[in-house]
Protein backbone atom coordinates (compact mmCIF):
# COMPACT_ATOMS: atom_id res chain seq x y z
CA UNK A 1 21.73 -20.27 -6.10
CA UNK A 2 19.47 -19.62 -2.93
CA UNK A 3 16.30 -21.55 -3.08
CA UNK A 4 13.49 -19.46 -4.60
CA UNK A 5 11.66 -18.26 -1.48
CA UNK A 6 15.09 -16.20 -0.35
CA UNK A 7 15.79 -14.35 -3.44
CA UNK A 8 12.12 -13.39 -3.69
CA UNK A 9 12.13 -12.59 0.01
CA UNK A 10 15.16 -10.47 -0.24
CA UNK A 11 13.91 -8.57 -3.39
CA UNK A 12 10.59 -7.87 -0.94
CA UNK A 13 12.44 -6.71 2.35
CA UNK A 14 14.94 -4.30 -0.27
CA UNK A 15 11.54 -2.65 -1.68
CA UNK A 16 10.62 -2.10 1.56
CA UNK A 17 14.40 -0.18 3.21
CA UNK A 18 14.11 1.86 -0.28
CA UNK A 19 10.67 2.85 0.44
CA UNK A 20 11.74 3.48 4.27
CA UNK A 21 14.84 6.34 3.65
CA UNK A 22 13.83 9.36 5.74
CA UNK A 23 14.78 11.59 3.18
CA UNK A 24 12.95 14.31 4.78
CA UNK A 25 14.27 13.79 7.96
CA UNK A 26 17.12 13.33 7.28
CA UNK A 27 17.35 16.72 5.52
CA UNK A 28 15.61 18.42 8.27
CA UNK A 29 18.31 17.18 9.99
CA UNK A 30 21.34 18.53 7.84
CA UNK A 31 19.75 21.80 6.46
CA UNK A 32 18.22 22.68 9.71
CA UNK A 33 19.08 20.68 12.64
CA UNK A 34 15.61 19.87 13.38
CA UNK A 35 13.52 16.96 14.17
CA UNK A 36 11.07 17.34 11.12
CA UNK A 37 8.64 15.33 12.80
CA UNK A 38 8.55 17.98 15.67
CA UNK A 39 7.74 20.57 13.30
CA UNK A 40 4.18 21.63 10.99
CA UNK A 41 2.18 19.07 10.01
CA UNK A 42 4.93 16.52 11.50
CA UNK A 43 5.26 14.90 8.36
CA UNK A 44 8.50 13.70 6.87
CA UNK A 45 7.34 14.02 3.56
CA UNK A 46 7.97 16.76 0.64
CA UNK A 47 4.82 19.47 1.72
CA UNK A 48 6.08 19.55 5.34
CA UNK A 49 9.88 19.66 4.13
CA UNK A 50 8.68 22.67 2.08
CA UNK A 51 7.33 24.75 4.84
CA UNK A 52 9.68 24.15 7.41
CA UNK A 53 12.73 24.27 5.39
CA UNK A 54 12.12 25.66 1.97
CA UNK A 55 11.59 24.96 -2.12
CA UNK A 56 14.83 23.20 -3.11
CA UNK A 57 14.86 21.02 -0.30
CA UNK A 58 11.30 20.51 -0.41
CA UNK A 59 12.01 19.21 -4.53
CA UNK A 60 14.58 17.19 -3.37
CA UNK A 61 12.70 15.01 -1.44
CA UNK A 62 9.98 14.70 -3.66
CA UNK A 63 12.41 13.43 -6.31
CA UNK A 64 14.29 11.20 -3.92
CA UNK A 65 11.20 9.69 -2.70
CA UNK A 66 9.91 9.37 -6.40
CA UNK A 67 12.74 7.69 -6.68
CA UNK A 68 12.43 4.74 -4.06
CA UNK A 69 9.61 3.53 -5.43
CA UNK A 70 10.75 3.24 -8.89
CA UNK A 71 14.05 1.68 -7.65
CA UNK A 72 12.03 -1.38 -5.91
CA UNK A 73 9.90 -1.84 -9.17
CA UNK A 74 13.22 -1.64 -10.96
CA UNK A 75 14.94 -4.62 -8.83
CA UNK A 76 12.40 -6.21 -9.34
CA UNK A 77 11.91 -6.17 -13.24
CA UNK A 78 15.58 -6.47 -12.86
CA UNK A 79 16.64 -9.68 -11.35
CA UNK A 80 13.67 -11.45 -13.30
CA UNK A 81 14.96 -9.96 -16.44
CA UNK A 82 19.12 -10.32 -16.02
CA UNK A 83 19.48 -12.62 -12.36
CA UNK A 84 18.89 -16.51 -13.11
CA UNK A 85 18.39 -17.51 -9.69
CA UNK A 86 14.88 -16.17 -9.69
CA UNK A 87 13.95 -18.74 -12.39
CA UNK A 88 14.43 -21.60 -9.88
CA UNK A 89 10.75 -20.46 -8.78
CA UNK A 90 9.08 -21.80 -11.93
CA UNK A 91 10.75 -25.29 -11.37
CA UNK A 92 9.65 -25.65 -7.86
CA UNK A 93 5.49 -24.60 -8.65
CA UNK A 94 5.51 -25.47 -12.44
CA UNK A 95 3.71 -22.04 -13.29
CA UNK A 96 4.33 -19.72 -16.15
CA UNK A 97 7.86 -17.37 -14.85
CA UNK A 98 6.00 -14.36 -17.03
CA UNK A 99 3.22 -14.73 -15.17
CA UNK A 100 4.85 -14.71 -11.63
CA UNK A 101 6.45 -11.26 -12.25
CA UNK A 102 3.63 -8.86 -11.88
CA UNK A 103 2.90 -9.94 -8.76
CA UNK A 104 6.15 -9.50 -7.49
CA UNK A 105 6.38 -5.81 -9.03
CA UNK A 106 3.00 -5.66 -6.87
CA UNK A 107 3.92 -6.66 -3.61
CA UNK A 108 7.15 -4.94 -4.15
CA UNK A 109 5.04 -1.68 -4.50
CA UNK A 110 2.73 -2.38 -1.40
CA UNK A 111 6.03 -3.28 0.68
CA UNK A 112 7.82 0.73 -0.49
CA UNK A 113 4.48 2.11 0.51
CA UNK A 114 4.80 0.78 3.63
CA UNK A 115 8.55 1.47 4.36
CA UNK A 116 7.62 5.21 3.61
CA UNK A 117 4.85 5.57 5.74
CA UNK A 118 6.37 2.92 8.18
CA UNK A 119 10.16 3.27 8.44
CA UNK A 120 12.59 1.09 10.35
CA UNK A 121 14.52 4.15 10.60
CA UNK A 122 11.59 6.61 12.66
CA UNK A 123 10.26 3.88 14.69
CA UNK A 124 7.85 2.90 12.18
CA UNK A 125 6.89 6.15 11.71
CA UNK A 126 6.70 8.32 8.21
CA UNK A 127 4.38 10.24 5.55
CA UNK A 128 1.68 9.22 3.51
CA UNK A 129 3.46 7.23 0.31
CA UNK A 130 1.92 9.58 -2.11
CA UNK A 131 5.43 10.74 -3.96
CA UNK A 132 6.64 7.25 -3.57
CA UNK A 133 3.61 5.49 -4.80
CA UNK A 134 4.30 7.65 -8.06
CA UNK A 135 7.44 6.18 -8.38
CA UNK A 136 6.11 3.10 -8.32
CA UNK A 137 3.26 4.18 -11.04
CA UNK A 138 5.75 5.32 -13.09
CA UNK A 139 7.64 2.50 -13.23
CA UNK A 140 5.34 0.33 -13.67
CA UNK A 141 3.40 2.25 -16.47
CA UNK A 142 4.31 5.81 -17.22
CA UNK A 143 1.28 6.34 -18.59
CA UNK A 144 -0.54 5.66 -15.82
CA UNK A 145 2.18 7.55 -13.80
CA UNK A 146 1.79 10.45 -15.66
CA UNK A 147 -2.04 10.88 -16.30
CA UNK A 148 -1.80 10.35 -12.11
CA UNK A 149 0.74 12.87 -11.95
CA UNK A 150 -2.05 15.22 -14.37
CA UNK A 151 -5.04 15.16 -12.37
CA UNK A 152 -2.88 15.46 -9.02
CA UNK A 153 -1.19 18.59 -10.34
CA UNK A 154 -4.85 19.92 -11.85
CA UNK A 155 -6.61 19.19 -8.61
CA UNK A 156 -3.53 21.02 -6.96
CA UNK A 157 -3.91 24.43 -9.35
CA UNK A 158 -7.95 24.73 -8.48
CA UNK A 159 -7.55 23.95 -4.94
CA UNK A 160 -4.12 24.73 -3.36
CA UNK A 161 -4.71 21.91 -1.20
CA UNK A 162 -2.18 19.28 -1.49
CA UNK A 163 -4.43 16.92 0.57
CA UNK A 164 -7.39 16.74 -1.81
CA UNK A 165 -4.94 16.79 -4.19
CA UNK A 166 -3.86 13.78 -3.36
CA UNK A 167 -6.38 11.25 -2.55
CA UNK A 168 -8.02 12.50 -5.75
CA UNK A 169 -4.80 10.81 -7.67
CA UNK A 170 -5.18 7.80 -5.45
CA UNK A 171 -9.19 7.31 -6.84
CA UNK A 172 -8.00 8.29 -10.32
CA UNK A 173 -4.79 5.57 -10.42
CA UNK A 174 -7.37 3.04 -9.32
CA UNK A 175 -9.40 3.88 -13.19
CA UNK A 176 -6.56 4.63 -15.28
CA UNK A 177 -5.19 1.08 -14.52
CA UNK A 178 -8.00 -0.60 -15.20
CA UNK A 179 -9.19 1.98 -17.96
CA UNK A 180 -5.60 1.37 -19.68
CA UNK A 181 -5.96 -2.72 -19.64
CA UNK A 182 -3.20 -3.49 -17.12
CA UNK A 183 -2.69 -6.85 -15.62
CA UNK A 184 -5.05 -7.79 -12.54
CA UNK A 185 -1.92 -7.93 -10.02
CA UNK A 186 -1.50 -4.08 -11.15
CA UNK A 187 -5.16 -3.34 -11.02
CA UNK A 188 -5.23 -4.97 -7.53
CA UNK A 189 -2.30 -2.58 -6.62
CA UNK A 190 -4.56 0.47 -7.54
CA UNK A 191 -7.22 -0.06 -5.44
CA UNK A 192 -4.69 -1.36 -2.52
CA UNK A 193 -2.04 1.46 -2.80
CA UNK A 194 -4.90 4.34 -3.75
CA UNK A 195 -6.94 3.01 -0.46
CA UNK A 196 -3.94 3.01 2.12
CA UNK A 197 -3.02 6.32 0.45
CA UNK A 198 -6.90 7.62 1.82
CA UNK A 199 -6.50 5.94 4.29
CA UNK A 200 -3.21 7.61 5.82
CA UNK A 201 -4.97 10.88 5.18
CA UNK A 202 -7.77 10.25 7.52
CA UNK A 203 -6.61 12.90 9.72
CA UNK A 204 -6.48 15.44 6.85
CA UNK A 205 -9.79 14.38 5.83
CA UNK A 206 -10.60 15.54 9.75
CA UNK A 207 -9.72 18.82 9.09
CA UNK A 208 -11.00 19.51 5.58
CA UNK A 209 -14.80 18.46 7.38
CA UNK A 210 -13.62 21.27 10.21
CA UNK A 211 -12.78 23.95 7.03
CA UNK A 212 -9.01 24.02 8.50
CA UNK A 213 -6.75 22.26 6.07
CA UNK A 214 -3.68 24.65 5.47
CA UNK A 215 -3.71 25.10 1.66
CA UNK A 216 -0.06 24.73 -0.04
CA UNK A 217 2.23 27.29 0.77
CA UNK A 218 0.60 28.10 4.82
CA UNK A 219 1.77 26.60 7.84
CA UNK A 220 -0.53 24.88 10.15
CA UNK A 221 -1.10 26.36 13.67
CA UNK A 222 0.33 23.89 15.57
CA UNK A 223 2.31 20.47 14.84
CA UNK A 224 -0.56 17.37 14.43
CA UNK A 225 2.75 15.14 15.76
CA UNK A 226 3.11 11.14 15.21
CA UNK A 227 2.20 9.55 12.77
CA UNK A 228 -0.91 11.38 12.04
CA UNK A 229 -1.80 14.39 10.00
CA UNK A 230 1.52 13.89 7.49
CA UNK A 231 1.50 14.40 3.94
CA UNK A 232 3.77 12.65 1.07
């Protein structure tokens, strides 16, 4: 049996590596032979895939990116439920095992988001973690996840601007997590993850203030490049 800190460390490493899977980059390479980071907004997310590769590839990237976040949480929940090695933690520090699991879920969720935006496979670059955060939320509490998706969809239907809708969803999840009486660690995840998503949209916010942010389906006049101006 491995020590508890190695078991938990492996779970967190798995969460980061799942988040790091560069779905949009691989789709651009395989289907169009392009480095999507050099196309459109420079994003590896589904929105830029939609602009540069097409609708079906974008839908695939969106689903996989959601799945990455959900799998990171599912791995923690599975380990704590079915693998007795993780129980060894409580024998060392004498805490309530059930109270530790939400904290591990929270850490895994944050690392999945970090993995998507700072992928080890792309030189620690990536997207804004919106789709991955949705997957995390759906795995934590489907009510929070679906309600957040509803806020995003309603905002997108009204504004046709993905960045505004992503920011609206990030704000909504903070309210929803506490309104639905989720444990404190999940509330802290909503705050940290929500502000992280908003911070990742800082270039979009600047374009919104300048009136140059493209609507859904429109192309940017030139790539933002690098690690800014990314969607999802």
